[in-house]
Amino acid sequence: MSRASRAASGLPPQSQRAIAQLGKDISIARRRRKLPQRLMAERMLVSVQTLQRLEAGDATVGLAVLASALHVFGMTQRLAELVAPDTDRAGISEDLARLPKTTHAVSSDELDF
């Protein structure tokens, strides 16, 4: 069994639901734009079957296929922002928790460049 299929089969239910919803949303976005699957697949440089798997929420579809679909929709930036550090609330909270409780003034010795 490949790594991709092991990872996909071990996904928690909430992740499976999120991927299924992503597939449905891609299908809706395509249909809103009145793009037939054949034309969308051509623009993505994939087969119609691969697009169908993406729209069905198949977790084994590669990230490049998702990126290609977003590119066709003009939404590539959304992929870049998924886990952007400035929007990572949990990461920001961790950083804040690690801040020192007290600070001291910088001495002139510490400013020696």
N, C-alpha and C. Protein backbone atom coordinates (compact mmCIF):
# COMPACT_ATOMS: atom_id res chain seq x y z
N MET A 1 0.85 -1.17 0.00
CA MET A 1 0.00 0.00 0.00
C MET A 1 0.90 1.24 0.00
N SER A 2 0.63 2.21 -0.85
CA SER A 2 1.46 3.40 -0.94
C SER A 2 1.24 4.31 0.26
N ARG A 3 2.18 5.23 0.44
CA ARG A 3 2.06 6.18 1.55
C ARG A 3 0.80 7.02 1.43
N ALA A 4 0.48 7.46 0.22
CA ALA A 4 -0.69 8.32 0.01
C ALA A 4 -1.97 7.60 0.43
N SER A 5 -2.11 6.35 0.04
CA SER A 5 -3.34 5.64 0.39
C SER A 5 -3.40 5.33 1.88
N ARG A 6 -2.25 5.08 2.52
CA ARG A 6 -2.24 4.87 3.97
C ARG A 6 -2.63 6.15 4.68
N ALA A 7 -2.11 7.27 4.21
CA ALA A 7 -2.46 8.55 4.83
C ALA A 7 -3.94 8.84 4.64
N ALA A 8 -4.45 8.58 3.46
CA ALA A 8 -5.87 8.85 3.18
C ALA A 8 -6.77 7.95 4.00
N SER A 9 -6.41 6.69 4.16
CA SER A 9 -7.28 5.77 4.90
C SER A 9 -7.23 6.05 6.40
N GLY A 10 -6.20 6.73 6.86
CA GLY A 10 -6.08 7.03 8.29
C GLY A 10 -6.58 8.41 8.68
N LEU A 11 -7.21 9.11 7.73
CA LEU A 11 -7.70 10.45 8.05
C LEU A 11 -8.81 10.41 9.09
N PRO A 12 -8.79 11.37 10.02
CA PRO A 12 -9.91 11.44 10.97
C PRO A 12 -11.20 11.83 10.23
N PRO A 13 -12.34 11.46 10.79
CA PRO A 13 -13.63 11.75 10.13
C PRO A 13 -13.82 13.22 9.78
N GLN A 14 -13.40 14.13 10.65
CA GLN A 14 -13.60 15.55 10.35
C GLN A 14 -12.76 15.98 9.14
N SER A 15 -11.60 15.39 8.96
CA SER A 15 -10.78 15.68 7.78
C SER A 15 -11.41 15.10 6.53
N GLN A 16 -11.97 13.90 6.64
CA GLN A 16 -12.66 13.29 5.50
C GLN A 16 -13.85 14.15 5.07
N ARG A 17 -14.60 14.66 6.06
CA ARG A 17 -15.75 15.52 5.75
C ARG A 17 -15.29 16.81 5.10
N ALA A 18 -14.19 17.37 5.58
CA ALA A 18 -13.67 18.62 5.01
C ALA A 18 -13.25 18.43 3.56
N ILE A 19 -12.60 17.31 3.26
CA ILE A 19 -12.18 17.02 1.89
C ILE A 19 -13.40 16.78 1.00
N ALA A 20 -14.40 16.10 1.52
CA ALA A 20 -15.63 15.88 0.75
C ALA A 20 -16.30 17.21 0.45
N GLN A 21 -16.33 18.11 1.44
CA GLN A 21 -16.93 19.43 1.24
C GLN A 21 -16.14 20.25 0.23
N LEU A 22 -14.81 20.15 0.30
CA LEU A 22 -13.96 20.83 -0.67
C LEU A 22 -14.28 20.36 -2.09
N GLY A 23 -14.45 19.07 -2.27
CA GLY A 23 -14.81 18.53 -3.57
C GLY A 23 -16.14 19.07 -4.07
N LYS A 24 -17.13 19.11 -3.17
CA LYS A 24 -18.45 19.66 -3.54
C LYS A 24 -18.33 21.13 -3.91
N ASP A 25 -17.54 21.86 -3.14
CA ASP A 25 -17.38 23.29 -3.41
C ASP A 25 -16.70 23.53 -4.75
N ILE A 26 -15.73 22.69 -5.10
CA ILE A 26 -15.07 22.81 -6.40
C ILE A 26 -16.08 22.53 -7.51
N SER A 27 -16.91 21.54 -7.31
CA SER A 27 -17.95 21.22 -8.30
C SER A 27 -18.91 22.40 -8.48
N ILE A 28 -19.32 23.00 -7.39
CA ILE A 28 -20.22 24.15 -7.44
C ILE A 28 -19.55 25.32 -8.16
N ALA A 29 -18.30 25.59 -7.82
CA ALA A 29 -17.57 26.70 -8.45
C ALA A 29 -17.45 26.47 -9.96
N ARG A 30 -17.19 25.24 -10.35
CA ARG A 30 -17.08 24.92 -11.78
C ARG A 30 -18.42 25.14 -12.48
N ARG A 31 -19.49 24.64 -11.85
CA ARG A 31 -20.81 24.76 -12.47
C ARG A 31 -21.30 26.21 -12.50
N ARG A 32 -20.98 27.00 -11.48
CA ARG A 32 -21.33 28.42 -11.50
C ARG A 32 -20.69 29.14 -12.68
N ARG A 33 -19.50 28.69 -13.03
CA ARG A 33 -18.78 29.28 -14.16
C ARG A 33 -19.20 28.65 -15.50
N LYS A 34 -20.16 27.73 -15.40
CA LYS A 34 -20.67 27.03 -16.58
C LYS A 34 -19.56 26.33 -17.37
N LEU A 35 -18.63 25.73 -16.62
CA LEU A 35 -17.53 24.98 -17.23
C LEU A 35 -17.88 23.50 -17.22
N PRO A 36 -17.98 22.89 -18.38
CA PRO A 36 -18.17 21.43 -18.40
C PRO A 36 -16.92 20.74 -17.82
N GLN A 37 -17.11 19.56 -17.27
CA GLN A 37 -15.97 18.84 -16.69
C GLN A 37 -14.85 18.65 -17.70
N ARG A 38 -15.19 18.36 -18.95
CA ARG A 38 -14.17 18.14 -19.97
C ARG A 38 -13.29 19.38 -20.15
N LEU A 39 -13.91 20.56 -20.23
CA LEU A 39 -13.15 21.79 -20.41
C LEU A 39 -12.33 22.13 -19.17
N MET A 40 -12.92 21.95 -18.01
CA MET A 40 -12.20 22.20 -16.75
C MET A 40 -10.99 21.28 -16.65
N ALA A 41 -11.17 20.00 -16.95
CA ALA A 41 -10.07 19.04 -16.90
C ALA A 41 -8.97 19.43 -17.90
N GLU A 42 -9.35 19.87 -19.08
CA GLU A 42 -8.36 20.31 -20.06
C GLU A 42 -7.55 21.48 -19.53
N ARG A 43 -8.23 22.44 -18.94
CA ARG A 43 -7.55 23.62 -18.40
C ARG A 43 -6.64 23.25 -17.23
N MET A 44 -7.01 22.22 -16.50
CA MET A 44 -6.21 21.75 -15.37
C MET A 44 -5.08 20.83 -15.81
N LEU A 45 -5.13 20.38 -17.07
CA LEU A 45 -4.16 19.42 -17.61
C LEU A 45 -4.25 18.05 -16.91
N VAL A 46 -5.48 17.65 -16.61
CA VAL A 46 -5.73 16.34 -16.00
C VAL A 46 -6.84 15.64 -16.79
N SER A 47 -7.08 14.40 -16.48
CA SER A 47 -8.18 13.67 -17.11
C SER A 47 -9.50 14.05 -16.44
N VAL A 48 -10.58 13.79 -17.16
CA VAL A 48 -11.92 14.03 -16.59
C VAL A 48 -12.10 13.18 -15.34
N GLN A 49 -11.57 11.94 -15.37
CA GLN A 49 -11.69 11.05 -14.21
C GLN A 49 -11.00 11.64 -12.98
N THR A 50 -9.86 12.28 -13.18
CA THR A 50 -9.17 12.90 -12.05
C THR A 50 -9.98 14.05 -11.49
N LEU A 51 -10.55 14.87 -12.36
CA LEU A 51 -11.42 15.95 -11.90
C LEU A 51 -12.63 15.39 -11.15
N GLN A 52 -13.20 14.33 -11.66
CA GLN A 52 -14.34 13.70 -10.99
C GLN A 52 -13.96 13.20 -9.60
N ARG A 53 -12.77 12.64 -9.48
CA ARG A 53 -12.29 12.18 -8.16
C ARG A 53 -12.10 13.36 -7.22
N LEU A 54 -11.57 14.47 -7.73
CA LEU A 54 -11.39 15.67 -6.91
C LEU A 54 -12.75 16.17 -6.42
N GLU A 55 -13.71 16.26 -7.33
CA GLU A 55 -15.04 16.74 -6.98
C GLU A 55 -15.79 15.77 -6.06
N ALA A 56 -15.42 14.51 -6.10
CA ALA A 56 -16.05 13.50 -5.23
C ALA A 56 -15.42 13.48 -3.84
N GLY A 57 -14.36 14.26 -3.64
CA GLY A 57 -13.73 14.29 -2.33
C GLY A 57 -12.78 13.15 -2.10
N ASP A 58 -12.19 12.61 -3.14
CA ASP A 58 -11.22 11.52 -3.03
C ASP A 58 -9.94 12.07 -2.40
N ALA A 59 -9.61 11.60 -1.23
CA ALA A 59 -8.46 12.11 -0.48
C ALA A 59 -7.12 11.73 -1.10
N THR A 60 -7.12 10.83 -2.06
CA THR A 60 -5.85 10.43 -2.68
C THR A 60 -5.48 11.30 -3.88
N VAL A 61 -6.35 12.23 -4.25
CA VAL A 61 -6.03 13.15 -5.34
C VAL A 61 -4.90 14.06 -4.87
N GLY A 62 -3.93 14.27 -5.72
CA GLY A 62 -2.75 15.03 -5.35
C GLY A 62 -2.99 16.52 -5.16
N LEU A 63 -2.12 17.11 -4.39
CA LEU A 63 -2.19 18.54 -4.11
C LEU A 63 -2.04 19.37 -5.38
N ALA A 64 -1.25 18.88 -6.34
CA ALA A 64 -1.07 19.61 -7.60
C ALA A 64 -2.40 19.71 -8.36
N VAL A 65 -3.24 18.70 -8.25
CA VAL A 65 -4.55 18.73 -8.91
C VAL A 65 -5.42 19.81 -8.27
N LEU A 66 -5.41 19.87 -6.95
CA LEU A 66 -6.16 20.92 -6.25
C LEU A 66 -5.63 22.30 -6.65
N ALA A 67 -4.32 22.46 -6.65
CA ALA A 67 -3.71 23.74 -7.01
C ALA A 67 -4.10 24.13 -8.44
N SER A 68 -4.15 23.16 -9.33
CA SER A 68 -4.53 23.42 -10.71
C SER A 68 -5.98 23.89 -10.80
N ALA A 69 -6.87 23.26 -10.05
CA ALA A 69 -8.28 23.68 -10.05
C ALA A 69 -8.40 25.10 -9.52
N LEU A 70 -7.69 25.40 -8.45
CA LEU A 70 -7.75 26.75 -7.90
C LEU A 70 -7.20 27.77 -8.89
N HIS A 71 -6.19 27.39 -9.63
CA HIS A 71 -5.63 28.28 -10.65
C HIS A 71 -6.68 28.59 -11.72
N VAL A 72 -7.38 27.57 -12.17
CA VAL A 72 -8.42 27.77 -13.18
C VAL A 72 -9.48 28.75 -12.66
N PHE A 73 -9.79 28.68 -11.38
CA PHE A 73 -10.79 29.57 -10.79
C PHE A 73 -10.23 30.95 -10.43
N GLY A 74 -8.92 31.12 -10.57
CA GLY A 74 -8.30 32.37 -10.16
C GLY A 74 -8.20 32.50 -8.65
N MET A 75 -8.08 31.38 -7.96
CA MET A 75 -8.06 31.37 -6.50
C MET A 75 -6.76 30.81 -5.93
N THR A 76 -5.69 30.88 -6.67
CA THR A 76 -4.42 30.31 -6.23
C THR A 76 -3.98 30.88 -4.88
N GLN A 77 -4.23 32.15 -4.65
CA GLN A 77 -3.81 32.80 -3.41
C GLN A 77 -4.42 32.12 -2.18
N ARG A 78 -5.61 31.58 -2.33
CA ARG A 78 -6.25 30.91 -1.18
C ARG A 78 -5.43 29.72 -0.70
N LEU A 79 -4.82 29.02 -1.62
CA LEU A 79 -3.97 27.88 -1.25
C LEU A 79 -2.77 28.39 -0.46
N ALA A 80 -2.19 29.48 -0.91
CA ALA A 80 -1.02 30.05 -0.24
C ALA A 80 -1.36 30.54 1.17
N GLU A 81 -2.60 30.85 1.42
CA GLU A 81 -3.01 31.42 2.72
C GLU A 81 -3.55 30.38 3.70
N LEU A 82 -3.61 29.12 3.32
CA LEU A 82 -4.22 28.11 4.18
C LEU A 82 -3.64 28.09 5.59
N VAL A 83 -2.34 28.08 5.69
CA VAL A 83 -1.69 27.99 7.00
C VAL A 83 -0.67 29.12 7.14
N ALA A 84 -1.03 30.28 6.64
CA ALA A 84 -0.13 31.42 6.73
C ALA A 84 0.15 31.75 8.19
N PRO A 85 1.40 32.02 8.54
CA PRO A 85 1.76 32.28 9.94
C PRO A 85 0.96 33.41 10.59
N ASP A 86 0.61 34.44 9.84
CA ASP A 86 -0.10 35.56 10.45
C ASP A 86 -1.58 35.26 10.71
N THR A 87 -2.09 34.14 10.21
CA THR A 87 -3.47 33.76 10.49
C THR A 87 -3.55 32.47 11.32
N ASP A 88 -2.42 31.99 11.80
CA ASP A 88 -2.35 30.76 12.58
C ASP A 88 -2.61 31.09 14.05
N ARG A 89 -3.87 31.07 14.44
CA ARG A 89 -4.24 31.45 15.81
C ARG A 89 -3.56 30.59 16.87
N ALA A 90 -3.51 29.29 16.65
CA ALA A 90 -2.89 28.40 17.63
C ALA A 90 -1.40 28.70 17.74
N GLY A 91 -0.74 28.90 16.61
CA GLY A 91 0.69 29.22 16.63
C GLY A 91 0.97 30.55 17.31
N ILE A 92 0.13 31.53 17.05
CA ILE A 92 0.27 32.84 17.69
C ILE A 92 0.09 32.70 19.20
N SER A 93 -0.90 31.92 19.61
CA SER A 93 -1.12 31.70 21.05
C SER A 93 0.08 31.03 21.70
N GLU A 94 0.67 30.05 21.00
CA GLU A 94 1.87 29.39 21.53
C GLU A 94 3.02 30.39 21.67
N ASP A 95 3.19 31.23 20.66
CA ASP A 95 4.24 32.26 20.74
C ASP A 95 4.01 33.18 21.92
N LEU A 96 2.79 33.61 22.12
CA LEU A 96 2.48 34.51 23.23
C LEU A 96 2.71 33.83 24.57
N ALA A 97 2.39 32.54 24.66
CA ALA A 97 2.59 31.81 25.92
C ALA A 97 4.07 31.68 26.25
N ARG A 98 4.94 31.71 25.25
CA ARG A 98 6.38 31.57 25.48
C ARG A 98 7.07 32.90 25.77
N LEU A 99 6.35 33.99 25.68
CA LEU A 99 6.97 35.28 25.97
C LEU A 99 7.39 35.32 27.44
N PRO A 100 8.50 35.98 27.73
CA PRO A 100 8.92 36.08 29.13
C PRO A 100 7.90 36.87 29.94
N LYS A 101 7.77 36.49 31.20
CA LYS A 101 6.81 37.18 32.08
C LYS A 101 7.33 38.55 32.48
N THR A 102 8.64 38.67 32.56
CA THR A 102 9.24 39.97 32.90
C THR A 102 10.36 40.27 31.92
N THR A 103 10.68 41.53 31.80
CA THR A 103 11.78 41.94 30.93
C THR A 103 12.65 42.92 31.69
N HIS A 104 13.83 43.15 31.16
CA HIS A 104 14.72 44.12 31.78
C HIS A 104 15.18 45.10 30.71
N ALA A 105 15.59 46.26 31.16
CA ALA A 105 16.08 47.27 30.24
C ALA A 105 17.40 46.79 29.65
N VAL A 106 17.65 47.15 28.43
CA VAL A 106 18.87 46.77 27.75
C VAL A 106 20.01 47.63 28.28
N SER A 107 21.09 46.97 28.71
CA SER A 107 22.25 47.73 29.19
C SER A 107 23.09 48.16 28.00
N SER A 108 23.95 49.11 28.22
CA SER A 108 24.81 49.59 27.13
C SER A 108 25.76 48.50 26.64
N ASP A 109 26.12 47.53 27.50
CA ASP A 109 26.97 46.42 27.09
C ASP A 109 26.29 45.54 26.04
N GLU A 110 24.99 45.40 26.16
CA GLU A 110 24.24 44.56 25.23
C GLU A 110 24.05 45.23 23.86
N LEU A 111 24.31 46.52 23.79
CA LEU A 111 24.16 47.25 22.54
C LEU A 111 25.46 47.40 21.79
N ASP A 112 26.48 46.63 22.15
CA ASP A 112 27.80 46.72 21.51
C ASP A 112 27.74 46.07 20.13
N PHE A 113 27.75 46.89 19.10
CA PHE A 113 27.68 46.40 17.72
C PHE A 113 29.03 46.23 17.20
